Amino acid sequence: MKEDEIFAGIAHFVEEIAWNDPEIIRLSKAIDAKHREAGAKEDETWPEGEAPEDVEKLRAAWDSRFLHLRVAILRHHGEDGMADLILNDPDAYAGQVKRGEKLIDERKAKRDTGSS
C-alpha cells in the first residue's frame, strides 16, 4: 500500500470513532431536528452560512467537536503528523485523504476486474 492509501485508511478509521461520540450524536440530532422543523426533506440542507443563526451555531459546535475529536484520536494513536496537518493545513489533509481514496478505489477496481 502507498502512503496516501494508509493515510486515507487511518483518516476513515478516526472519523468512524469520532462519529460515535455522544456529543457529536446529540449535535447531529439537533441539527436534523432543526431541518425537519423548517420542513426540509431528508437530503436537503441549508448552504453553508445561509442557515438560521441557531443552526449555524449548532454546525459550528459540531465542526469544532469533530475536529478536536479527530486530533485527540490521532494523537492517542501516535499519529501526531496527521494531527498537526489537520490542524495547520486542513486543505492539505483533505487532499491527501482524497488521493488515498482514489488509489484505494483504483486498487479495488483492478481487483474486481481481475487485472493487476
Protein backbone atom coordinates (compact mmCIF):
# COMPACT_ATOMS: atom_id res chain seq x y z
CA MET A 1 0.00 0.00 0.00
CA LYS A 2 1.10 3.51 -0.72
CA GLU A 3 1.44 6.19 1.95
CA ASP A 4 -1.66 8.09 0.77
CA GLU A 5 -3.74 4.90 0.95
CA ILE A 6 -2.64 4.31 4.53
CA PHE A 7 -3.30 7.96 5.36
CA ALA A 8 -6.85 7.71 3.96
CA GLY A 9 -7.47 4.46 5.82
CA ILE A 10 -6.38 5.96 9.13
CA ALA A 11 -8.46 9.09 8.48
CA HIS A 12 -11.58 6.99 7.87
CA PHE A 13 -10.91 4.88 10.96
CA VAL A 14 -10.61 8.07 13.03
CA GLU A 15 -13.83 9.52 11.59
CA GLU A 16 -15.74 6.34 12.39
CA ILE A 17 -14.62 6.57 16.01
CA ALA A 18 -15.47 10.28 16.20
CA TRP A 19 -18.97 9.72 14.76
CA ASN A 20 -19.77 7.55 17.78
CA ASP A 21 -19.11 10.36 20.25
CA PRO A 22 -22.25 11.13 22.31
CA GLU A 23 -21.87 14.90 21.80
CA ILE A 24 -21.48 14.50 18.03
CA ILE A 25 -24.59 12.33 18.01
CA ARG A 26 -26.51 14.89 20.09
CA LEU A 27 -25.46 17.80 17.88
CA SER A 28 -26.28 15.84 14.71
CA LYS A 29 -29.76 15.05 16.03
CA ALA A 30 -30.30 18.69 17.00
CA ILE A 31 -29.29 19.86 13.52
CA ASP A 32 -31.55 17.25 11.91
CA ALA A 33 -34.44 18.34 14.12
CA LYS A 34 -33.96 21.96 13.00
CA HIS A 35 -34.08 20.84 9.39
CA ARG A 36 -37.31 18.93 9.98
CA GLU A 37 -38.82 21.93 11.81
CA ALA A 38 -38.08 24.04 8.73
CA GLY A 39 -39.81 21.48 6.52
CA ALA A 40 -36.64 20.32 4.77
CA LYS A 41 -36.60 16.89 3.18
CA GLU A 42 -34.21 14.20 4.46
CA ASP A 43 -31.47 15.06 1.95
CA GLU A 44 -31.95 18.85 1.98
CA THR A 45 -29.79 21.23 3.94
CA TRP A 46 -29.02 24.91 4.04
CA PRO A 47 -25.90 26.01 2.19
CA GLU A 48 -23.02 26.85 4.50
CA GLY A 49 -23.50 30.28 6.04
CA GLU A 50 -27.16 30.53 4.99
CA ALA A 51 -28.85 28.57 7.78
CA PRO A 52 -30.69 30.27 10.63
CA GLU A 53 -28.38 31.51 13.38
CA ASP A 54 -29.25 28.70 15.79
CA VAL A 55 -28.43 26.10 13.14
CA GLU A 56 -25.15 27.83 12.30
CA LYS A 57 -24.23 27.73 15.99
CA LEU A 58 -25.01 24.02 16.15
CA ARG A 59 -22.96 23.43 13.00
CA ALA A 60 -20.03 25.39 14.42
CA ALA A 61 -20.19 23.37 17.65
CA TRP A 62 -20.35 20.14 15.62
CA ASP A 63 -17.40 21.16 13.43
CA SER A 64 -15.30 22.17 16.42
CA ARG A 65 -16.09 18.98 18.36
CA PHE A 66 -15.44 16.75 15.33
CA LEU A 67 -12.08 18.40 14.66
CA HIS A 68 -10.97 18.16 18.27
CA LEU A 69 -12.03 14.53 18.50
CA ARG A 70 -10.11 13.58 15.37
CA VAL A 71 -7.00 15.38 16.62
CA ALA A 72 -7.26 13.66 20.02
CA ILE A 73 -7.78 10.23 18.43
CA LEU A 74 -4.86 10.71 16.05
CA ARG A 75 -2.58 11.81 18.89
CA HIS A 76 -3.75 8.92 21.09
CA HIS A 77 -2.66 6.51 18.36
CA GLY A 78 0.67 8.23 17.77
CA GLU A 79 -0.32 9.94 14.52
CA ASP A 80 0.99 13.36 15.55
CA GLY A 81 1.92 14.30 11.98
CA MET A 82 -1.64 13.75 10.81
CA ALA A 83 -2.99 15.64 13.83
CA ASP A 84 -0.68 18.58 13.10
CA LEU A 85 -1.65 18.57 9.43
CA ILE A 86 -5.40 18.59 10.07
CA LEU A 87 -4.94 21.49 12.50
CA ASN A 88 -2.48 23.55 10.49
CA ASP A 89 -3.43 22.77 6.90
CA PRO A 90 -6.85 21.13 6.68
CA ASP A 91 -6.90 21.50 2.88
CA ALA A 92 -3.65 19.52 2.57
CA TYR A 93 -5.07 16.89 4.95
CA ALA A 94 -8.25 16.60 2.87
CA GLY A 95 -6.20 16.44 -0.32
CA GLN A 96 -4.08 13.59 0.96
CA VAL A 97 -7.21 11.72 2.06
CA LYS A 98 -8.73 12.19 -1.43
CA ARG A 99 -5.55 11.00 -3.13
CA GLY A 100 -5.54 7.93 -0.91
CA GLU A 101 -9.22 7.23 -1.55
CA LYS A 102 -8.59 7.43 -5.29
CA LEU A 103 -5.74 4.93 -5.04
CA ILE A 104 -7.89 2.61 -2.91
CA ASP A 105 -10.73 2.84 -5.45
CA GLU A 106 -8.33 2.13 -8.32
CA ARG A 107 -6.88 -0.87 -6.48
CA LYS A 108 -10.39 -2.17 -5.77
CA ALA A 109 -11.46 -1.69 -9.40
CA LYS A 110 -8.40 -3.62 -10.60
CA ARG A 111 -9.11 -6.40 -8.13
CA ASP A 112 -12.79 -6.53 -9.13
CA THR A 113 -11.95 -6.75 -12.84
CA GLY A 114 -9.17 -9.25 -12.27
CA SER A 115 -6.46 -7.04 -13.73
CA SER A 116 -3.17 -6.39 -12.00
